[in-house]
Amino acid sequence: MSRTVAVSCTLAILAFVLGSCGSAGSKKQDEASNPDAEVSVGVTKAGRQTLERTLSLSSELVPFQEVDVYAKESGYVKDLKVDYGSRVRTGQLMATLDIPELQSQLLQDDANIKTAQNQVTHAENEVSRSQAQYTVVHLQFERLNTVAKTRPGLVAQQEVDDAQGKDLDVDAQVDASKSNLQVMQSELAAARAKREHDQDLYNYTRITAPFTGVVTQRYANQGTLMQAGTNSSTQAMPLVRISEDDVFRLVIPVPESYVHYIHVGDPVSVLVSSLNQTFWGKVARFSVDVKEDTRTMHTEVDVPNFNRALVSGLYADATITLEKKENALAVPIQAVNQGAHDTVYVVTPANTIEIRQVTLGIQTADYAEVLTGLREGESIVLSDRSGLKAGQDVKPKNISLVDYKGQEESK
């Protein structure tokens, strides 16, 4: 009797298992035979937000201006007042040169000026003397000439002619003395100009800073013979190099396709990775042409260095805002099927699929602006759309762009 009960129980269990397998197989067959069956899709709603289109380029920070300071005249470094890292102001004395030849030349110029001044004084005296002599001789001639005209025969004509000759001779001497005075005055002016010229050259013994900045290189020491930097036949060595570090230039090559977005004054975010700091600058100037070899436009961003954190040679990433639109109707870029016609899959209030053709505006890395074809608040499919078709019933499930990206990464 117990053996009969055991067999009966075994048969009942086998029947239940076979029945379950049969029902599961029939369910799969029903789903395969009904492709329009309701499926779950991840959706998000079209909303409004601020969209920005940016361009990021890497470049090297360089000083706003940088110059090697040379000596104007050859001489020995007598006094060097700056070194690496010295901060200087415009016109500040950095070094003094010893040029004995120029000192001697200035003494000679002073002597030449004194000699010329004496010659001018002598010429002035000659003019005064000749003018006084001319006054006397001219009066004598006038008197004789007047008597000869009023009382003919009283004075011989020969005496009148001799007096007139002396008058003309002395008058010519006056003109000659005046001309000589002008020559002496010109020589004095030339001597003074020579003195000023040599003094200007001597002033170059004082080497000053051309602008406010910092000394980044020092090439000479005390007693170094500096060659004149104006002579191309010599290998002149600079004294120091000065860099203006209050403002830095960030030179970036803007690709041809973005040139029309660049404007003077555009704000630029400058990330210096080595300092882990972000600085703000602005587009200060650009070349207004595209290089043929690189198809880029030379663009410069001025970056203020308020806290002296920036140094020359650091690499930085500049991010320029090309376009910005407030309150734009936007959808995730992953929700758009881009092609000859941009489309999105919309889930209607009846939970069916509707394929919409849309017109896009600004596009960022994550979102795209929708100009036409979509209304705010409508649900669009964000998940896989390969098996969906228009009119299909779906079961929408709201997901965020962050969740969607997390699913993509996990896959």
Protein backbone atom coordinates (compact mmCIF):
# COMPACT_ATOMS: atom_id res chain seq x y z
CA MET A 1 0.00 0.00 0.00
CA SER A 2 2.84 2.48 0.80
CA ARG A 3 4.61 1.67 -2.50
CA THR A 4 1.43 2.62 -4.39
CA VAL A 5 1.22 6.03 -2.63
CA ALA A 6 4.86 6.85 -3.46
CA VAL A 7 4.39 6.13 -7.13
CA SER A 8 1.29 8.29 -7.23
CA CYS A 9 3.11 11.26 -5.68
CA THR A 10 5.98 10.97 -8.17
CA LEU A 11 3.58 11.01 -11.11
CA ALA A 12 1.83 14.10 -9.71
CA ILE A 13 5.12 16.03 -9.42
CA LEU A 14 6.16 15.15 -12.98
CA ALA A 15 2.83 16.30 -14.29
CA PHE A 16 3.14 19.65 -12.50
CA VAL A 17 6.69 20.28 -13.87
CA LEU A 18 5.68 19.40 -17.41
CA GLY A 19 2.64 21.65 -17.13
CA SER A 20 4.76 24.58 -15.95
CA CYS A 21 7.29 24.18 -18.78
CA GLY A 22 4.50 24.02 -21.27
CA SER A 23 2.93 27.26 -20.02
CA ALA A 24 6.30 29.08 -20.04
CA GLY A 25 6.99 27.98 -23.61
CA SER A 26 3.59 29.09 -24.75
CA LYS A 27 4.16 32.56 -23.15
CA LYS A 28 7.39 33.03 -25.14
CA GLN A 29 5.64 31.94 -28.31
CA ASP A 30 2.88 34.49 -27.67
CA GLU A 31 5.42 37.33 -27.22
CA ALA A 32 7.27 36.33 -30.40
CA SER A 33 4.07 36.21 -32.38
CA ASN A 34 2.99 39.69 -31.07
CA PRO A 35 5.74 42.25 -31.84
CA ASP A 36 3.44 45.15 -30.85
CA ALA A 37 3.33 43.95 -27.26
CA GLU A 38 3.88 46.70 -24.64
CA VAL A 39 7.59 47.23 -23.76
CA SER A 40 9.26 49.39 -21.12
CA VAL A 41 11.25 52.42 -22.35
CA GLY A 42 13.27 54.97 -20.48
CA VAL A 43 12.00 58.51 -21.07
CA THR A 44 12.86 62.05 -20.01
CA LYS A 45 10.97 65.29 -20.43
CA ALA A 46 11.95 68.16 -22.71
CA GLY A 47 12.73 71.17 -20.53
CA ARG A 48 14.24 74.61 -20.67
CA GLN A 49 17.75 75.47 -19.53
CA THR A 50 20.77 77.61 -20.36
CA LEU A 51 22.94 76.11 -23.08
CA GLU A 52 26.54 77.09 -23.76
CA ARG A 53 28.75 76.01 -26.60
CA THR A 54 32.42 76.21 -25.70
CA LEU A 55 35.82 75.62 -27.31
CA SER A 56 38.77 74.36 -25.25
CA LEU A 57 42.35 74.72 -26.49
CA SER A 58 45.71 74.24 -24.80
CA SER A 59 48.61 76.64 -25.04
CA GLU A 60 51.58 78.08 -23.15
CA LEU A 61 51.49 81.18 -20.97
CA VAL A 62 54.01 83.82 -22.04
CA PRO A 63 54.78 87.24 -20.51
CA PHE A 64 52.84 90.18 -21.89
CA GLN A 65 56.17 91.57 -23.04
CA GLU A 66 59.72 90.33 -22.64
CA VAL A 67 63.02 91.89 -23.70
CA ASP A 68 66.76 91.37 -23.44
CA VAL A 69 68.41 94.60 -22.26
CA TYR A 70 71.66 95.46 -24.09
CA ALA A 71 74.24 98.17 -23.54
CA LYS A 72 74.09 101.08 -25.98
CA GLU A 73 77.83 101.76 -25.59
CA SER A 74 80.71 99.38 -24.87
CA GLY A 75 81.98 99.46 -21.32
CA TYR A 76 82.70 97.53 -18.16
CA VAL A 77 79.97 96.74 -15.63
CA LYS A 78 80.83 99.01 -12.74
CA ASP A 79 77.78 98.40 -10.55
CA LEU A 80 75.13 95.69 -10.99
CA LYS A 81 72.04 96.30 -8.88
CA VAL A 82 69.71 93.44 -9.95
CA ASP A 83 69.76 89.66 -10.01
CA TYR A 84 67.44 86.74 -10.77
CA GLY A 85 63.95 87.47 -9.51
CA SER A 86 64.56 91.18 -8.88
CA ARG A 87 61.44 93.24 -9.43
CA VAL A 88 62.04 96.51 -11.26
CA ARG A 89 59.99 99.55 -12.17
CA THR A 90 60.04 101.60 -15.34
CA GLY A 91 63.19 103.75 -15.38
CA GLN A 92 64.78 102.03 -12.39
CA LEU A 93 68.59 101.87 -12.48
CA MET A 94 69.79 98.28 -12.99
CA ALA A 95 73.50 98.72 -13.76
CA THR A 96 76.19 101.35 -14.33
CA LEU A 97 78.95 101.04 -16.93
CA ASP A 98 82.44 102.48 -16.72
CA ILE A 99 83.41 104.20 -20.02
CA PRO A 100 86.52 106.42 -19.45
CA GLU A 101 86.66 107.42 -23.11
CA LEU A 102 83.30 109.15 -22.92
CA GLN A 103 84.31 111.00 -19.76
CA SER A 104 87.39 112.34 -21.55
CA GLN A 105 85.27 113.27 -24.55
CA LEU A 106 82.94 115.30 -22.36
CA LEU A 107 85.90 117.23 -20.93
CA GLN A 108 87.11 117.95 -24.44
CA ASP A 109 83.62 119.06 -25.46
CA ASP A 110 83.54 121.49 -22.54
CA ALA A 111 86.87 122.94 -23.67
CA ASN A 112 85.64 123.29 -27.26
CA ILE A 113 82.52 125.08 -26.04
CA LYS A 114 84.62 127.51 -24.00
CA THR A 115 86.85 128.22 -27.01
CA ALA A 116 83.83 128.78 -29.23
CA GLN A 117 82.31 131.11 -26.67
CA ASN A 118 85.52 133.18 -26.62
CA GLN A 119 85.53 133.36 -30.39
CA VAL A 120 81.92 134.53 -30.36
CA THR A 121 82.80 137.23 -27.84
CA HIS A 122 85.74 138.35 -29.99
CA ALA A 123 83.55 138.43 -33.09
CA GLU A 124 80.93 140.48 -31.24
CA ASN A 125 83.63 143.00 -30.27
CA GLU A 126 84.78 143.17 -33.88
CA VAL A 127 81.26 143.95 -34.98
CA SER A 128 80.97 146.72 -32.37
CA ARG A 129 84.33 148.22 -33.35
CA SER A 130 83.57 148.15 -37.09
CA GLN A 131 80.12 149.65 -36.53
CA ALA A 132 81.63 152.51 -34.45
CA GLN A 133 84.25 153.15 -37.13
CA TYR A 134 81.59 153.09 -39.79
CA THR A 135 79.53 155.68 -37.89
CA VAL A 136 82.46 158.14 -37.82
CA VAL A 137 83.48 157.66 -41.46
CA HIS A 138 79.88 157.80 -42.66
CA LEU A 139 79.28 161.12 -40.84
CA GLN A 140 82.38 162.61 -42.44
CA PHE A 141 81.21 161.57 -45.85
CA GLU A 142 77.71 162.98 -45.27
CA ARG A 143 79.10 166.35 -44.18
CA LEU A 144 81.45 166.72 -47.16
CA ASN A 145 78.77 165.56 -49.55
CA THR A 146 76.26 168.07 -48.10
CA VAL A 147 78.74 170.99 -48.38
CA ALA A 148 79.64 169.99 -51.94
CA LYS A 149 75.97 170.09 -52.91
CA THR A 150 75.03 173.34 -51.08
CA ARG A 151 78.20 175.29 -51.81
CA PRO A 152 79.73 174.05 -55.08
CA GLY A 153 83.49 174.68 -55.43
CA LEU A 154 84.13 175.03 -51.70
CA VAL A 155 85.13 171.36 -51.36
CA ALA A 156 87.13 169.55 -54.02
CA GLN A 157 85.32 166.64 -55.62
CA GLN A 158 88.35 164.45 -54.93
CA GLU A 159 87.84 164.81 -51.18
CA VAL A 160 84.19 163.85 -51.51
CA ASP A 161 85.08 160.77 -53.55
CA ASP A 162 87.75 159.67 -51.05
CA ALA A 163 85.28 160.04 -48.16
CA GLN A 164 82.69 158.02 -50.02
CA GLY A 165 85.25 155.27 -50.70
CA LYS A 166 86.18 155.04 -47.01
CA ASP A 167 82.49 154.94 -46.12
CA LEU A 168 81.85 151.99 -48.42
CA ASP A 169 85.01 150.22 -47.23
CA VAL A 170 84.11 150.48 -43.57
CA ASP A 171 80.52 149.41 -44.34
CA ALA A 172 81.90 146.28 -45.98
CA GLN A 173 84.02 145.63 -42.88
CA VAL A 174 80.87 145.79 -40.76
CA ASP A 175 79.19 143.18 -42.97
CA ALA A 176 82.28 140.99 -42.80
CA SER A 177 82.44 141.19 -39.02
CA LYS A 178 78.76 140.30 -38.78
CA SER A 179 79.26 137.30 -41.05
CA ASN A 180 82.22 136.19 -38.94
CA LEU A 181 80.06 136.51 -35.82
CA GLN A 182 77.44 134.24 -37.38
CA VAL A 183 80.13 131.68 -38.19
CA MET A 184 81.42 131.76 -34.61
CA GLN A 185 77.89 131.41 -33.26
CA SER A 186 77.31 128.39 -35.52
CA GLU A 187 80.54 126.81 -34.29
CA LEU A 188 79.43 127.40 -30.71
CA ALA A 189 76.05 125.76 -31.46
CA ALA A 190 77.84 122.80 -33.07
CA ALA A 191 80.13 122.46 -30.04
CA ARG A 192 77.14 122.48 -27.71
CA ALA A 193 75.30 119.92 -29.87
CA LYS A 194 78.39 117.73 -29.80
CA ARG A 195 78.44 118.05 -26.02
CA GLU A 196 74.77 117.05 -25.80
CA HIS A 197 75.37 114.09 -28.13
CA ASP A 198 78.27 112.82 -26.06
CA GLN A 199 76.30 113.44 -22.88
CA ASP A 200 73.47 111.31 -24.27
CA LEU A 201 75.96 108.56 -24.99
CA TYR A 202 77.39 108.91 -21.50
CA ASN A 203 73.87 108.65 -20.06
CA TYR A 204 73.75 105.16 -21.56
CA THR A 205 76.26 104.14 -18.92
CA ARG A 206 73.16 104.04 -16.71
CA ILE A 207 71.15 101.01 -17.86
CA THR A 208 67.54 101.35 -16.71
CA ALA A 209 64.46 99.12 -16.86
CA PRO A 210 62.31 99.74 -19.97
CA PHE A 211 59.13 98.65 -18.17
CA THR A 212 57.90 97.26 -14.86
CA GLY A 213 58.57 93.56 -14.50
CA VAL A 214 60.87 90.91 -13.09
CA VAL A 215 64.43 89.90 -14.02
CA THR A 216 64.24 86.34 -15.35
CA GLN A 217 67.81 86.06 -16.70
CA ARG A 218 71.15 87.63 -15.77
CA TYR A 219 73.94 87.33 -18.32
CA ALA A 220 76.67 89.62 -16.91
CA ASN A 221 78.61 90.04 -13.68
CA GLN A 222 80.55 92.81 -12.02
CA GLY A 223 83.41 93.82 -14.32
CA THR A 224 82.01 92.16 -17.45
CA LEU A 225 82.90 93.96 -20.67
CA MET A 226 79.62 94.76 -22.42
CA GLN A 227 79.71 95.19 -26.18
CA ALA A 228 77.48 97.78 -27.80
CA GLY A 229 74.24 96.13 -28.84
CA THR A 230 73.92 98.42 -31.88
CA ASN A 231 76.92 96.94 -33.69
CA SER A 232 75.86 93.96 -35.77
CA SER A 233 79.47 92.92 -36.40
CA THR A 234 79.98 91.98 -32.75
CA GLN A 235 78.35 89.21 -30.75
CA ALA A 236 76.86 91.51 -28.14
CA MET A 237 75.69 89.91 -24.90
CA PRO A 238 72.65 91.30 -23.08
CA LEU A 239 72.86 92.40 -19.47
CA VAL A 240 69.56 90.93 -18.23
CA ARG A 241 66.18 89.74 -19.48
CA ILE A 242 63.05 91.41 -18.13
CA SER A 243 59.55 89.94 -18.30
CA GLU A 244 56.32 91.78 -17.57
CA ASP A 245 54.34 89.41 -15.38
CA ASP A 246 51.41 91.55 -14.27
CA VAL A 247 49.55 90.22 -17.31
CA PHE A 248 50.25 87.08 -19.31
CA ARG A 249 49.43 86.29 -22.91
CA LEU A 250 47.84 82.96 -23.80
CA VAL A 251 48.27 82.46 -27.53
CA ILE A 252 45.74 79.97 -28.87
CA PRO A 253 45.24 78.75 -32.45
CA VAL A 254 41.50 78.94 -33.14
CA PRO A 255 40.40 76.47 -35.86
CA GLU A 256 38.94 77.91 -39.03
CA SER A 257 35.41 76.64 -38.33
CA TYR A 258 35.24 78.64 -35.07
CA VAL A 259 36.80 81.91 -36.28
CA HIS A 260 33.46 83.70 -36.77
CA TYR A 261 32.58 83.13 -33.11
CA ILE A 262 35.63 85.01 -31.76
CA HIS A 263 35.18 88.61 -30.61
CA VAL A 264 37.41 90.99 -28.67
CA GLY A 265 36.32 91.05 -25.04
CA ASP A 266 34.89 87.52 -24.94
CA PRO A 267 35.45 86.01 -21.46
CA VAL A 268 37.81 83.04 -21.29
CA SER A 269 38.25 80.49 -18.51
CA VAL A 270 41.92 79.50 -18.13
CA LEU A 271 42.67 76.28 -16.23
CA VAL A 272 46.28 75.80 -15.14
CA SER A 273 46.46 72.13 -14.20
CA SER A 274 49.89 72.35 -12.57
CA LEU A 275 48.53 74.93 -10.10
CA ASN A 276 45.05 73.40 -9.91
CA GLN A 277 43.63 76.90 -10.33
CA THR A 278 41.30 78.58 -12.78
CA PHE A 279 41.94 82.15 -13.90
CA TRP A 280 39.71 84.46 -15.90
CA GLY A 281 40.86 86.42 -18.91
CA LYS A 282 39.42 87.84 -22.09
CA VAL A 283 40.10 87.79 -25.80
CA ALA A 284 42.32 90.84 -26.29
CA ARG A 285 43.34 90.62 -29.94
CA PHE A 286 43.48 88.30 -32.93
CA SER A 287 45.19 88.34 -36.32
CA VAL A 288 41.99 88.56 -38.44
CA ASP A 289 43.41 86.01 -40.88
CA VAL A 290 43.72 82.23 -41.13
CA LYS A 291 47.14 80.67 -41.64
CA GLU A 292 47.31 78.56 -44.78
CA ASP A 293 49.45 75.80 -43.26
CA THR A 294 47.45 75.21 -40.05
CA ARG A 295 44.04 76.69 -40.98
CA THR A 296 43.95 78.44 -37.63
CA MET A 297 43.74 82.07 -36.50
CA HIS A 298 46.27 83.55 -34.08
CA THR A 299 44.27 84.62 -31.02
CA GLU A 300 45.59 86.12 -27.78
CA VAL A 301 43.97 86.05 -24.36
CA ASP A 302 45.14 88.47 -21.67
CA VAL A 303 45.24 86.79 -18.24
CA PRO A 304 45.79 89.11 -15.23
CA ASN A 305 48.28 87.79 -12.68
CA PHE A 306 46.99 89.47 -9.54
CA ASN A 307 48.51 87.14 -6.95
CA ARG A 308 51.73 86.38 -8.89
CA ALA A 309 50.73 82.73 -9.11
CA LEU A 310 51.35 82.49 -12.85
CA VAL A 311 54.85 82.06 -14.21
CA SER A 312 56.14 81.98 -17.75
CA GLY A 313 56.05 78.64 -19.54
CA LEU A 314 53.09 77.06 -17.74
CA TYR A 315 50.60 75.19 -19.91
CA ALA A 316 46.95 76.15 -19.62
CA ASP A 317 43.60 75.08 -21.07
CA ALA A 318 41.55 78.00 -22.36
CA THR A 319 37.78 77.57 -22.64
CA ILE A 320 36.03 80.16 -24.81
CA THR A 321 32.25 80.52 -24.80
CA LEU A 322 31.24 80.47 -28.46
CA GLU A 323 27.45 80.59 -28.05
CA LYS A 324 25.13 80.97 -25.09
CA LYS A 325 21.34 80.90 -24.98
CA GLU A 326 19.12 81.37 -21.99
CA ASN A 327 15.82 79.49 -21.50
CA ALA A 328 16.37 77.16 -24.47
CA LEU A 329 14.12 74.13 -25.01
CA ALA A 330 16.63 71.29 -24.73
CA VAL A 331 16.76 67.50 -24.87
CA PRO A 332 19.64 65.09 -24.20
CA ILE A 333 21.80 64.67 -27.27
CA GLN A 334 21.44 60.87 -26.89
CA ALA A 335 17.71 61.17 -27.52
CA VAL A 336 18.20 62.59 -31.02
CA ASN A 337 18.53 60.40 -34.08
CA GLN A 338 20.79 62.55 -36.24
CA GLY A 339 20.91 62.10 -39.97
CA ALA A 340 19.44 63.68 -43.07
CA HIS A 341 16.48 64.56 -40.84
CA ASP A 342 16.90 64.85 -37.07
CA THR A 343 14.16 62.94 -35.20
CA VAL A 344 13.13 62.09 -31.66
CA TYR A 345 10.83 59.37 -30.35
CA VAL A 346 7.98 60.94 -28.37
CA VAL A 347 5.77 58.98 -25.96
CA THR A 348 2.25 60.35 -26.31
CA PRO A 349 -0.19 60.68 -23.39
CA ALA A 350 -1.72 57.42 -24.66
CA ASN A 351 1.66 55.72 -24.12
CA THR A 352 2.32 55.15 -27.81
CA ILE A 353 5.42 55.98 -29.86
CA GLU A 354 5.37 59.00 -32.18
CA ILE A 355 8.39 59.79 -34.36
CA ARG A 356 8.92 63.56 -34.64
CA GLN A 357 11.16 65.46 -37.01
CA VAL A 358 12.88 68.32 -35.15
CA THR A 359 15.07 71.29 -35.96
CA LEU A 360 18.12 71.67 -33.74
CA GLY A 361 19.92 74.81 -32.59
CA ILE A 362 22.86 75.00 -30.18
CA GLN A 363 24.42 71.64 -29.41
CA THR A 364 26.64 70.93 -26.41
CA ALA A 365 28.30 67.72 -25.30
CA ASP A 366 25.15 66.63 -23.41
CA TYR A 367 22.19 68.59 -24.75
CA ALA A 368 20.75 69.94 -27.99
CA GLU A 369 18.40 72.87 -28.41
CA VAL A 370 15.12 72.05 -30.18
CA LEU A 371 13.81 74.92 -32.29
CA THR A 372 10.78 73.20 -33.86
CA GLY A 373 8.96 69.86 -33.61
CA LEU A 374 8.74 69.50 -29.85
CA ARG A 375 6.92 71.13 -26.94
CA GLU A 376 8.09 71.69 -23.42
CA GLY A 377 7.19 68.86 -21.04
CA GLU A 378 6.75 66.17 -23.70
CA SER A 379 8.30 62.77 -22.93
CA ILE A 380 11.01 61.57 -25.26
CA VAL A 381 12.65 58.15 -25.38
CA LEU A 382 16.17 58.14 -23.99
CA SER A 383 16.81 54.40 -23.96
CA ASP A 384 17.47 52.07 -26.91
CA ARG A 385 15.12 52.87 -29.82
CA SER A 386 16.24 50.25 -32.33
CA GLY A 387 13.18 47.99 -31.82
CA LEU A 388 10.57 50.74 -31.59
CA LYS A 389 8.21 51.91 -34.31
CA ALA A 390 5.52 54.54 -34.66
CA GLY A 391 2.22 53.69 -32.92
CA GLN A 392 3.72 51.01 -30.72
CA ASP A 393 2.39 50.75 -27.14
CA VAL A 394 5.06 51.28 -24.52
CA LYS A 395 5.38 51.53 -20.79
CA PRO A 396 7.36 54.73 -20.03
CA LYS A 397 9.78 54.89 -17.12
CA ASN A 398 11.28 58.26 -16.19
CA ILE A 399 15.09 58.26 -16.03
CA SER A 400 17.60 61.08 -15.77
CA LEU A 401 20.53 61.69 -18.08
CA VAL A 402 22.90 60.78 -15.25
CA ASP A 403 21.16 57.44 -14.73
CA TYR A 404 21.23 56.78 -18.47
CA LYS A 405 24.94 57.49 -18.68
CA GLY A 406 25.53 55.21 -15.71
CA GLN A 407 23.70 52.38 -17.49
CA GLU A 408 25.75 52.98 -20.66
CA GLU A 409 29.00 52.87 -18.72
CA SER A 410 28.00 49.69 -16.88
CA LYS A 411 27.32 48.02 -20.20
